[in-house]
N, C-alpha and C. Protein backbone atom coordinates (compact mmCIF):
# COMPACT_ATOMS: atom_id res chain seq x y z
N UNK A 1 -59.32 74.29 28.06
CA UNK A 1 -60.67 74.39 28.55
C UNK A 1 -60.65 75.18 29.85
N UNK A 2 -61.53 76.12 29.99
CA UNK A 2 -61.56 76.91 31.20
C UNK A 2 -62.58 76.34 32.17
N UNK A 3 -62.47 76.73 33.41
CA UNK A 3 -63.33 76.21 34.46
C UNK A 3 -64.68 76.92 34.43
N UNK A 4 -65.75 76.18 34.17
CA UNK A 4 -67.08 76.76 34.22
C UNK A 4 -67.80 76.29 35.48
N UNK A 5 -67.45 75.18 36.03
CA UNK A 5 -68.00 74.63 37.27
C UNK A 5 -66.85 73.98 37.99
N UNK A 6 -67.17 73.13 38.94
CA UNK A 6 -66.13 72.41 39.65
C UNK A 6 -65.69 71.14 38.93
N UNK A 7 -66.45 70.70 37.91
CA UNK A 7 -66.12 69.47 37.20
C UNK A 7 -65.88 69.80 35.73
N UNK A 8 -64.74 69.37 35.22
CA UNK A 8 -64.39 69.56 33.83
C UNK A 8 -64.52 68.20 33.15
N UNK A 9 -65.17 68.16 31.99
CA UNK A 9 -65.38 66.90 31.26
C UNK A 9 -64.68 66.96 29.91
N UNK A 10 -64.04 65.86 29.56
CA UNK A 10 -63.45 65.70 28.23
C UNK A 10 -63.90 64.35 27.68
N UNK A 11 -64.10 64.28 26.38
CA UNK A 11 -64.42 63.01 25.71
C UNK A 11 -63.19 62.61 24.91
N UNK A 12 -62.69 61.40 25.18
CA UNK A 12 -61.45 60.92 24.56
C UNK A 12 -61.74 59.68 23.73
N UNK A 13 -61.68 59.79 22.40
CA UNK A 13 -61.88 58.60 21.56
C UNK A 13 -60.60 57.77 21.50
N UNK A 14 -60.76 56.47 21.70
CA UNK A 14 -59.65 55.53 21.53
C UNK A 14 -60.20 54.36 20.72
N UNK A 15 -59.67 54.19 19.54
CA UNK A 15 -60.18 53.21 18.58
C UNK A 15 -61.67 53.48 18.40
N UNK A 16 -62.52 52.51 18.70
CA UNK A 16 -63.95 52.69 18.46
C UNK A 16 -64.73 52.96 19.75
N UNK A 17 -64.05 53.46 20.77
CA UNK A 17 -64.69 53.76 22.05
C UNK A 17 -64.41 55.21 22.45
N UNK A 18 -65.42 55.86 23.00
CA UNK A 18 -65.26 57.22 23.52
C UNK A 18 -65.29 57.13 25.04
N UNK A 19 -64.19 57.55 25.67
CA UNK A 19 -64.08 57.54 27.13
C UNK A 19 -64.36 58.95 27.66
N UNK A 20 -64.99 59.02 28.82
CA UNK A 20 -65.28 60.30 29.45
C UNK A 20 -64.33 60.49 30.62
N UNK A 21 -63.54 61.58 30.58
CA UNK A 21 -62.62 61.93 31.65
C UNK A 21 -63.23 63.10 32.41
N UNK A 22 -63.37 62.95 33.72
CA UNK A 22 -63.89 64.00 34.58
C UNK A 22 -62.80 64.43 35.55
N UNK A 23 -62.63 65.72 35.69
CA UNK A 23 -61.67 66.24 36.66
C UNK A 23 -62.42 67.21 37.55
N UNK A 24 -62.57 66.84 38.80
CA UNK A 24 -63.26 67.67 39.78
C UNK A 24 -62.21 68.39 40.61
N UNK A 25 -62.33 69.71 40.67
CA UNK A 25 -61.32 70.50 41.34
C UNK A 25 -62.00 71.48 42.30
N UNK A 26 -61.89 71.19 43.58
CA UNK A 26 -62.42 72.11 44.59
C UNK A 26 -61.41 73.21 44.82
N UNK A 27 -61.63 74.36 44.20
CA UNK A 27 -60.64 75.44 44.29
C UNK A 27 -60.45 75.94 45.72
N UNK A 28 -61.50 75.91 46.52
CA UNK A 28 -61.37 76.38 47.91
C UNK A 28 -60.74 75.33 48.81
N UNK A 29 -61.08 74.05 48.56
CA UNK A 29 -60.58 72.98 49.42
C UNK A 29 -59.29 72.36 48.91
N UNK A 30 -59.05 72.48 47.59
CA UNK A 30 -57.88 71.86 46.99
C UNK A 30 -58.08 70.40 46.65
N UNK A 31 -59.24 69.84 46.97
CA UNK A 31 -59.51 68.44 46.68
C UNK A 31 -59.64 68.26 45.17
N UNK A 32 -58.93 67.26 44.65
CA UNK A 32 -59.00 66.91 43.24
C UNK A 32 -59.45 65.47 43.11
N UNK A 33 -60.39 65.24 42.20
CA UNK A 33 -60.88 63.89 41.93
C UNK A 33 -60.81 63.68 40.43
N UNK A 34 -60.25 62.55 40.02
CA UNK A 34 -60.15 62.20 38.61
C UNK A 34 -60.93 60.92 38.37
N UNK A 35 -61.85 60.97 37.40
CA UNK A 35 -62.65 59.80 37.05
C UNK A 35 -62.53 59.55 35.55
N UNK A 36 -62.54 58.27 35.17
CA UNK A 36 -62.62 57.88 33.77
C UNK A 36 -63.80 56.92 33.66
N UNK A 37 -64.74 57.29 32.80
CA UNK A 37 -65.97 56.50 32.61
C UNK A 37 -66.69 56.25 33.94
N UNK A 38 -66.66 57.25 34.82
CA UNK A 38 -67.35 57.15 36.10
C UNK A 38 -66.58 56.46 37.20
N UNK A 39 -65.44 55.85 36.87
CA UNK A 39 -64.62 55.15 37.87
C UNK A 39 -63.56 56.10 38.41
N UNK A 40 -63.53 56.25 39.72
CA UNK A 40 -62.57 57.15 40.34
C UNK A 40 -61.17 56.55 40.28
N UNK A 41 -60.24 57.29 39.68
CA UNK A 41 -58.86 56.83 39.60
C UNK A 41 -58.03 57.36 40.77
N UNK A 42 -58.27 58.60 41.16
CA UNK A 42 -57.59 59.10 42.35
C UNK A 42 -58.31 60.30 42.92
N UNK A 43 -58.03 60.53 44.21
CA UNK A 43 -58.57 61.66 44.95
C UNK A 43 -57.43 62.16 45.83
N UNK A 44 -57.23 63.45 45.84
CA UNK A 44 -56.19 64.02 46.69
C UNK A 44 -56.79 65.17 47.49
N UNK A 45 -56.33 65.31 48.71
CA UNK A 45 -56.85 66.35 49.58
C UNK A 45 -55.85 67.46 49.82
N UNK A 46 -54.67 67.33 49.22
CA UNK A 46 -53.68 68.36 49.48
C UNK A 46 -54.04 69.63 48.73
N UNK A 47 -53.85 70.76 49.37
CA UNK A 47 -54.22 72.03 48.77
C UNK A 47 -53.15 72.46 47.78
N UNK A 48 -53.51 72.45 46.53
CA UNK A 48 -52.60 72.85 45.48
C UNK A 48 -53.45 73.32 44.30
N UNK A 49 -53.36 74.59 43.97
CA UNK A 49 -54.22 75.14 42.93
C UNK A 49 -53.79 74.68 41.54
N UNK A 50 -52.52 74.76 41.21
CA UNK A 50 -52.04 74.38 39.88
C UNK A 50 -51.28 73.06 39.97
N UNK A 51 -50.99 72.47 38.82
CA UNK A 51 -50.22 71.23 38.81
C UNK A 51 -50.67 70.29 37.71
N UNK A 52 -50.23 69.04 37.80
CA UNK A 52 -50.51 68.03 36.79
C UNK A 52 -50.96 66.75 37.47
N UNK A 53 -51.77 65.98 36.75
CA UNK A 53 -52.20 64.67 37.21
C UNK A 53 -52.09 63.71 36.03
N UNK A 54 -51.27 62.68 36.15
CA UNK A 54 -51.06 61.72 35.07
C UNK A 54 -51.83 60.44 35.35
N UNK A 55 -52.33 59.82 34.27
CA UNK A 55 -53.09 58.58 34.39
C UNK A 55 -53.10 57.90 33.03
N UNK A 56 -53.69 56.72 32.97
CA UNK A 56 -53.72 55.96 31.73
C UNK A 56 -55.16 55.62 31.38
N UNK A 57 -55.50 55.72 30.09
CA UNK A 57 -56.79 55.26 29.57
C UNK A 57 -56.46 54.24 28.50
N UNK A 58 -56.93 53.02 28.72
CA UNK A 58 -56.53 51.89 27.89
C UNK A 58 -55.00 51.86 27.86
N UNK A 59 -54.40 52.02 26.69
CA UNK A 59 -52.93 51.96 26.61
C UNK A 59 -52.29 53.33 26.49
N UNK A 60 -53.08 54.40 26.53
CA UNK A 60 -52.55 55.74 26.30
C UNK A 60 -52.31 56.49 27.60
N UNK A 61 -51.17 57.18 27.65
CA UNK A 61 -50.85 58.05 28.78
C UNK A 61 -51.61 59.36 28.63
N UNK A 62 -52.21 59.82 29.71
CA UNK A 62 -52.96 61.06 29.71
C UNK A 62 -52.48 61.93 30.86
N UNK A 63 -52.70 63.24 30.72
CA UNK A 63 -52.28 64.17 31.76
C UNK A 63 -53.23 65.37 31.78
N UNK A 64 -53.79 65.63 32.98
CA UNK A 64 -54.57 66.84 33.19
C UNK A 64 -53.61 67.90 33.70
N UNK A 65 -53.68 69.08 33.10
CA UNK A 65 -52.81 70.18 33.53
C UNK A 65 -53.68 71.35 33.99
N UNK A 66 -53.32 71.91 35.15
CA UNK A 66 -54.03 73.06 35.70
C UNK A 66 -53.03 74.20 35.80
N UNK A 67 -53.35 75.30 35.13
CA UNK A 67 -52.46 76.46 35.12
C UNK A 67 -53.26 77.71 35.49
N UNK A 68 -52.59 78.66 36.09
CA UNK A 68 -53.22 79.93 36.40
C UNK A 68 -53.04 80.86 35.21
N UNK A 69 -54.17 81.24 34.58
CA UNK A 69 -54.11 82.18 33.46
C UNK A 69 -53.88 83.60 33.98
N UNK A 70 -54.45 83.87 35.11
CA UNK A 70 -54.23 85.12 35.85
C UNK A 70 -54.64 84.82 37.29
N UNK A 71 -54.53 85.77 38.21
CA UNK A 71 -54.82 85.46 39.62
C UNK A 71 -56.24 84.99 39.90
N UNK A 72 -57.18 85.23 38.98
CA UNK A 72 -58.56 84.83 39.25
C UNK A 72 -59.09 83.76 38.30
N UNK A 73 -58.27 83.26 37.36
CA UNK A 73 -58.75 82.32 36.36
C UNK A 73 -57.80 81.14 36.22
N UNK A 74 -58.36 79.95 36.36
CA UNK A 74 -57.58 78.73 36.13
C UNK A 74 -57.92 78.17 34.76
N UNK A 75 -56.92 77.62 34.10
CA UNK A 75 -57.11 76.98 32.80
C UNK A 75 -56.80 75.50 32.95
N UNK A 76 -57.63 74.67 32.32
CA UNK A 76 -57.47 73.22 32.38
C UNK A 76 -57.22 72.71 30.97
N UNK A 77 -56.31 71.75 30.85
CA UNK A 77 -56.03 71.13 29.56
C UNK A 77 -55.79 69.64 29.78
N UNK A 78 -56.12 68.86 28.77
CA UNK A 78 -55.88 67.42 28.80
C UNK A 78 -54.96 67.07 27.65
N UNK A 79 -53.90 66.34 27.98
CA UNK A 79 -53.01 65.80 26.95
C UNK A 79 -53.25 64.29 26.88
N UNK A 80 -53.30 63.79 25.65
CA UNK A 80 -53.47 62.36 25.41
C UNK A 80 -52.33 61.92 24.51
N UNK A 81 -51.60 60.94 24.97
CA UNK A 81 -50.47 60.42 24.19
C UNK A 81 -49.49 61.54 23.83
N UNK A 82 -49.31 62.49 24.75
CA UNK A 82 -48.36 63.57 24.57
C UNK A 82 -48.86 64.74 23.73
N UNK A 83 -50.13 64.68 23.29
CA UNK A 83 -50.69 65.74 22.45
C UNK A 83 -51.88 66.38 23.17
N UNK A 84 -52.09 67.68 22.93
CA UNK A 84 -53.31 68.30 23.43
C UNK A 84 -54.51 67.55 22.85
N UNK A 85 -55.59 67.46 23.61
CA UNK A 85 -56.74 66.67 23.18
C UNK A 85 -57.22 67.05 21.78
N UNK A 86 -57.27 68.32 21.47
CA UNK A 86 -57.73 68.77 20.15
C UNK A 86 -56.86 68.16 19.03
N UNK A 87 -55.55 68.17 19.21
CA UNK A 87 -54.64 67.61 18.22
C UNK A 87 -54.75 66.08 18.16
N UNK A 88 -54.90 65.46 19.32
CA UNK A 88 -55.08 64.00 19.37
C UNK A 88 -56.34 63.60 18.61
N UNK A 89 -57.44 64.36 18.83
CA UNK A 89 -58.70 64.03 18.16
C UNK A 89 -58.59 64.17 16.65
N UNK A 90 -57.86 65.18 16.18
CA UNK A 90 -57.67 65.33 14.73
C UNK A 90 -56.95 64.11 14.16
N UNK A 91 -55.90 63.69 14.85
CA UNK A 91 -55.14 62.52 14.40
C UNK A 91 -56.02 61.26 14.45
N UNK A 92 -56.78 61.12 15.52
CA UNK A 92 -57.67 59.96 15.66
C UNK A 92 -58.70 59.93 14.54
N UNK A 93 -59.26 61.09 14.21
CA UNK A 93 -60.30 61.16 13.18
C UNK A 93 -59.75 60.80 11.80
N UNK A 94 -58.46 61.00 11.60
CA UNK A 94 -57.87 60.59 10.32
C UNK A 94 -57.98 59.08 10.13
N UNK A 95 -58.04 58.33 11.24
CA UNK A 95 -58.09 56.88 11.14
C UNK A 95 -59.50 56.31 11.36
N UNK A 96 -60.29 56.90 12.26
CA UNK A 96 -61.58 56.32 12.64
C UNK A 96 -62.73 57.24 12.28
N UNK A 97 -63.83 56.65 11.85
CA UNK A 97 -65.09 57.36 11.63
C UNK A 97 -66.15 56.56 12.38
N UNK A 98 -67.06 57.23 13.05
CA UNK A 98 -68.04 56.53 13.87
C UNK A 98 -69.42 57.14 13.72
N UNK A 99 -70.42 56.29 13.77
CA UNK A 99 -71.82 56.70 13.70
C UNK A 99 -72.61 55.96 14.76
N UNK A 100 -73.60 56.62 15.34
CA UNK A 100 -74.55 55.99 16.26
C UNK A 100 -75.91 56.00 15.59
N UNK A 101 -76.60 54.87 15.60
CA UNK A 101 -77.92 54.82 14.96
C UNK A 101 -78.79 53.76 15.62
N UNK A 102 -80.08 53.86 15.35
CA UNK A 102 -81.04 52.90 15.85
C UNK A 102 -81.49 52.06 14.65
N UNK A 103 -81.26 50.75 14.74
CA UNK A 103 -81.64 49.84 13.65
C UNK A 103 -82.55 48.78 14.25
N UNK A 104 -83.75 48.70 13.75
CA UNK A 104 -84.73 47.72 14.23
C UNK A 104 -84.95 47.83 15.74
N UNK A 105 -84.94 49.07 16.27
CA UNK A 105 -85.19 49.28 17.69
C UNK A 105 -84.00 49.02 18.60
N UNK A 106 -82.84 48.78 18.02
CA UNK A 106 -81.63 48.50 18.79
C UNK A 106 -80.60 49.59 18.49
N UNK A 107 -79.93 50.09 19.54
CA UNK A 107 -78.87 51.08 19.35
C UNK A 107 -77.63 50.39 18.80
N UNK A 108 -77.08 50.95 17.71
CA UNK A 108 -75.89 50.40 17.08
C UNK A 108 -74.83 51.48 16.97
N UNK A 109 -73.60 51.06 17.12
CA UNK A 109 -72.44 51.92 16.91
C UNK A 109 -71.69 51.32 15.73
N UNK A 110 -71.62 52.08 14.64
CA UNK A 110 -70.93 51.62 13.44
C UNK A 110 -69.61 52.38 13.34
N UNK A 111 -68.51 51.64 13.23
CA UNK A 111 -67.18 52.24 13.18
C UNK A 111 -66.47 51.80 11.91
N UNK A 112 -65.78 52.74 11.31
CA UNK A 112 -64.95 52.46 10.13
C UNK A 112 -63.50 52.74 10.50
N UNK A 113 -62.65 51.73 10.37
CA UNK A 113 -61.22 51.91 10.53
C UNK A 113 -60.69 52.24 9.14
N UNK A 114 -60.38 53.52 8.93
CA UNK A 114 -59.99 53.98 7.59
C UNK A 114 -58.67 53.38 7.13
N UNK A 115 -57.84 52.94 8.05
CA UNK A 115 -56.54 52.39 7.64
C UNK A 115 -56.68 50.96 7.11
N UNK A 116 -57.66 50.21 7.59
CA UNK A 116 -57.85 48.82 7.14
C UNK A 116 -59.14 48.65 6.36
N UNK A 117 -60.04 49.65 6.45
CA UNK A 117 -61.39 49.62 5.87
C UNK A 117 -62.27 48.56 6.52
N UNK A 118 -61.90 48.11 7.73
CA UNK A 118 -62.77 47.22 8.50
C UNK A 118 -63.94 48.02 9.03
N UNK A 119 -65.11 47.40 9.02
CA UNK A 119 -66.30 48.01 9.59
C UNK A 119 -66.73 47.17 10.77
N UNK A 120 -67.00 47.85 11.89
CA UNK A 120 -67.44 47.18 13.10
C UNK A 120 -68.85 47.64 13.43
N UNK A 121 -69.69 46.70 13.80
CA UNK A 121 -71.04 47.00 14.30
C UNK A 121 -71.06 46.56 15.75
N UNK A 122 -71.21 47.52 16.65
CA UNK A 122 -71.13 47.26 18.10
C UNK A 122 -69.86 46.48 18.45
N UNK A 123 -68.76 46.85 17.81
CA UNK A 123 -67.45 46.29 18.13
C UNK A 123 -67.08 45.03 17.39
N UNK A 124 -67.99 44.46 16.61
CA UNK A 124 -67.73 43.21 15.89
C UNK A 124 -67.54 43.51 14.41
N UNK A 125 -66.44 43.02 13.86
CA UNK A 125 -66.18 43.23 12.43
C UNK A 125 -67.24 42.49 11.62
N UNK A 126 -67.82 43.21 10.65
CA UNK A 126 -68.88 42.62 9.83
C UNK A 126 -68.36 42.37 8.41
N UNK A 127 -68.88 41.34 7.75
CA UNK A 127 -68.49 41.09 6.36
C UNK A 127 -69.04 42.19 5.45
N UNK A 128 -68.26 42.57 4.45
CA UNK A 128 -68.64 43.65 3.55
C UNK A 128 -68.41 43.24 2.10
N UNK A 129 -69.05 43.98 1.21
CA UNK A 129 -68.76 43.87 -0.21
C UNK A 129 -68.49 45.28 -0.72
N UNK A 130 -67.53 45.39 -1.61
CA UNK A 130 -67.16 46.70 -2.14
C UNK A 130 -67.51 46.84 -3.61
N UNK A 131 -67.88 48.05 -3.98
CA UNK A 131 -68.20 48.34 -5.37
C UNK A 131 -67.54 49.66 -5.73
N UNK A 132 -66.74 49.65 -6.78
CA UNK A 132 -66.03 50.85 -7.22
C UNK A 132 -66.81 51.47 -8.38
N UNK A 133 -67.26 52.70 -8.19
CA UNK A 133 -68.01 53.43 -9.21
C UNK A 133 -67.15 54.58 -9.72
N UNK A 134 -67.66 55.35 -10.65
CA UNK A 134 -66.89 56.44 -11.25
C UNK A 134 -66.36 57.44 -10.22
N UNK A 135 -67.24 57.94 -9.36
CA UNK A 135 -66.85 59.01 -8.44
C UNK A 135 -66.84 58.59 -6.98
N UNK A 136 -67.15 57.34 -6.70
CA UNK A 136 -67.26 56.92 -5.30
C UNK A 136 -67.01 55.42 -5.16
N UNK A 137 -66.78 55.04 -3.92
CA UNK A 137 -66.68 53.63 -3.57
C UNK A 137 -67.79 53.33 -2.57
N UNK A 138 -68.51 52.24 -2.79
CA UNK A 138 -69.62 51.88 -1.90
C UNK A 138 -69.27 50.55 -1.23
N UNK A 139 -69.27 50.57 0.08
CA UNK A 139 -69.03 49.36 0.86
C UNK A 139 -70.34 48.99 1.53
N UNK A 140 -70.90 47.83 1.17
CA UNK A 140 -72.21 47.40 1.66
C UNK A 140 -72.06 46.31 2.71
N UNK A 141 -72.99 46.31 3.66
CA UNK A 141 -73.03 45.31 4.73
C UNK A 141 -74.43 45.30 5.32
N UNK A 142 -74.72 44.34 6.17
CA UNK A 142 -76.01 44.29 6.85
C UNK A 142 -75.79 44.26 8.35
N UNK A 143 -76.82 44.75 9.07
CA UNK A 143 -76.74 44.82 10.53
C UNK A 143 -78.07 44.39 11.12
N UNK A 144 -78.00 43.69 12.24
CA UNK A 144 -79.21 43.33 12.99
C UNK A 144 -79.81 42.01 12.56
N UNK A 145 -80.81 41.59 13.35
CA UNK A 145 -81.45 40.30 13.11
C UNK A 145 -82.24 40.30 11.80
N UNK A 146 -82.68 41.48 11.36
CA UNK A 146 -83.43 41.58 10.10
C UNK A 146 -82.51 41.85 8.92
N UNK A 147 -81.20 41.80 9.13
CA UNK A 147 -80.20 42.04 8.06
C UNK A 147 -80.49 43.36 7.35
N UNK A 148 -80.60 44.43 8.13
CA UNK A 148 -80.88 45.75 7.58
C UNK A 148 -79.74 46.19 6.69
N UNK A 149 -80.05 46.60 5.44
CA UNK A 149 -78.98 47.00 4.52
C UNK A 149 -78.35 48.34 4.93
N UNK A 150 -77.02 48.35 4.93
CA UNK A 150 -76.24 49.54 5.26
C UNK A 150 -75.16 49.69 4.21
N UNK A 151 -74.69 50.92 4.06
CA UNK A 151 -73.56 51.14 3.14
C UNK A 151 -72.79 52.37 3.58
N UNK A 152 -71.50 52.32 3.34
CA UNK A 152 -70.65 53.48 3.54
C UNK A 152 -70.16 53.91 2.17
N UNK A 153 -70.46 55.16 1.84
CA UNK A 153 -70.07 55.72 0.56
C UNK A 153 -68.84 56.60 0.79
N UNK A 154 -67.79 56.36 0.03
CA UNK A 154 -66.55 57.13 0.13
C UNK A 154 -66.38 57.95 -1.14
N UNK A 155 -66.22 59.27 -0.94
CA UNK A 155 -66.02 60.16 -2.09
C UNK A 155 -64.85 61.10 -1.79
N UNK A 156 -64.16 61.49 -2.82
CA UNK A 156 -63.06 62.44 -2.66
C UNK A 156 -63.61 63.82 -2.35
N UNK A 157 -62.96 64.53 -1.44
CA UNK A 157 -63.42 65.88 -1.07
C UNK A 157 -62.89 66.94 -2.03
N UNK A 158 -61.83 66.61 -2.77
CA UNK A 158 -61.20 67.61 -3.61
C UNK A 158 -60.24 68.49 -2.83
N UNK A 159 -60.08 68.21 -1.54
CA UNK A 159 -59.21 69.00 -0.66
C UNK A 159 -58.25 68.04 0.03
N UNK A 160 -56.96 68.22 -0.17
CA UNK A 160 -55.97 67.29 0.40
C UNK A 160 -56.01 67.28 1.92
N UNK A 161 -56.37 68.40 2.54
CA UNK A 161 -56.45 68.47 4.01
C UNK A 161 -57.61 67.64 4.54
N UNK A 162 -58.72 67.63 3.81
CA UNK A 162 -59.92 66.89 4.24
C UNK A 162 -59.81 65.43 3.84
N UNK A 163 -59.34 65.17 2.63
CA UNK A 163 -59.18 63.79 2.17
C UNK A 163 -60.51 63.20 1.71
N UNK A 164 -60.68 61.92 1.99
CA UNK A 164 -61.88 61.20 1.57
C UNK A 164 -62.98 61.40 2.60
N UNK A 165 -64.20 61.60 2.12
CA UNK A 165 -65.37 61.76 2.99
C UNK A 165 -66.14 60.45 2.98
N UNK A 166 -66.46 59.96 4.18
CA UNK A 166 -67.21 58.72 4.33
C UNK A 166 -68.59 59.04 4.89
N UNK A 167 -69.62 58.49 4.26
CA UNK A 167 -71.00 58.72 4.69
C UNK A 167 -71.67 57.36 4.89
N UNK A 168 -72.37 57.21 6.02
CA UNK A 168 -73.11 55.98 6.31
C UNK A 168 -74.58 56.18 5.95
N UNK A 169 -75.14 55.16 5.28
CA UNK A 169 -76.56 55.12 4.97
C UNK A 169 -77.14 53.82 5.53
N UNK A 170 -78.25 53.92 6.24
CA UNK A 170 -78.99 52.76 6.73
C UNK A 170 -80.36 52.81 6.09
N UNK A 171 -80.72 51.77 5.35
CA UNK A 171 -81.97 51.78 4.57
C UNK A 171 -82.04 53.02 3.69
N UNK A 172 -80.91 53.39 3.10
CA UNK A 172 -80.79 54.54 2.20
C UNK A 172 -81.06 55.89 2.86
N UNK A 173 -80.98 55.95 4.19
CA UNK A 173 -81.12 57.21 4.94
C UNK A 173 -79.77 57.53 5.55
N UNK A 174 -79.27 58.74 5.28
CA UNK A 174 -77.95 59.12 5.80
C UNK A 174 -77.97 59.28 7.31
N UNK A 175 -76.92 58.76 7.95
CA UNK A 175 -76.76 58.82 9.41
C UNK A 175 -75.66 59.84 9.71
N UNK A 176 -75.91 60.80 10.62
CA UNK A 176 -74.86 61.77 10.95
C UNK A 176 -73.71 61.10 11.71
N UNK A 177 -72.51 61.64 11.54
CA UNK A 177 -71.35 61.07 12.23
C UNK A 177 -71.44 61.37 13.71
N UNK A 178 -70.74 60.58 14.50
CA UNK A 178 -70.64 60.79 15.95
C UNK A 178 -69.62 61.89 16.18
N UNK A 179 -70.07 63.07 16.59
CA UNK A 179 -69.21 64.24 16.75
C UNK A 179 -68.27 64.11 17.95
N UNK A 180 -68.53 63.17 18.87
CA UNK A 180 -67.66 62.99 20.04
C UNK A 180 -66.25 62.63 19.64
N UNK A 181 -66.08 62.11 18.43
CA UNK A 181 -64.75 61.68 18.02
C UNK A 181 -63.81 62.82 17.69
N UNK A 182 -64.34 63.98 17.36
CA UNK A 182 -63.42 65.05 17.00
C UNK A 182 -63.84 66.43 17.44
N UNK A 183 -65.01 66.62 18.01
CA UNK A 183 -65.40 67.93 18.52
C UNK A 183 -64.89 68.10 19.95
N UNK A 184 -64.59 69.32 20.31
CA UNK A 184 -64.20 69.61 21.70
C UNK A 184 -65.42 69.94 22.50
């Protein structure tokens, strides 16, 4: 990621939570400030244009790297668990799928753990029923005080790289996936 302002932002998904990492770099003053979810982890006043800053988010080791691409351009990168953020997000997306939606006037975050097929609604595992059909698998559950019907439909993509595609429907209306989990 290149420097467009003095603050660089990255979104880091860990399990069913997206953390925001901010790196503020005063190129003239050398002051660096690192925040995770708005909480300042460190601030340094020593003048140093390039370098690394290591920190932890939940249980994962992270590192901000600042390199000079040329004499007038700095490049910023974030590594999570030893991988560049883009690669980490691809790996994370293989296991987790997430959707944000409004159900009965309440904001809900629906997460699917693809390795266990557990579904969480606002972090709480919900009971489900599964139905195997010819071309798809439908996992049904309810959310909210009105027991709003929801379902996740799993279909094969026909592409080994993509794998199975999961789609969430609330009241039979498709909900778009949360792009924070894998977009840069």
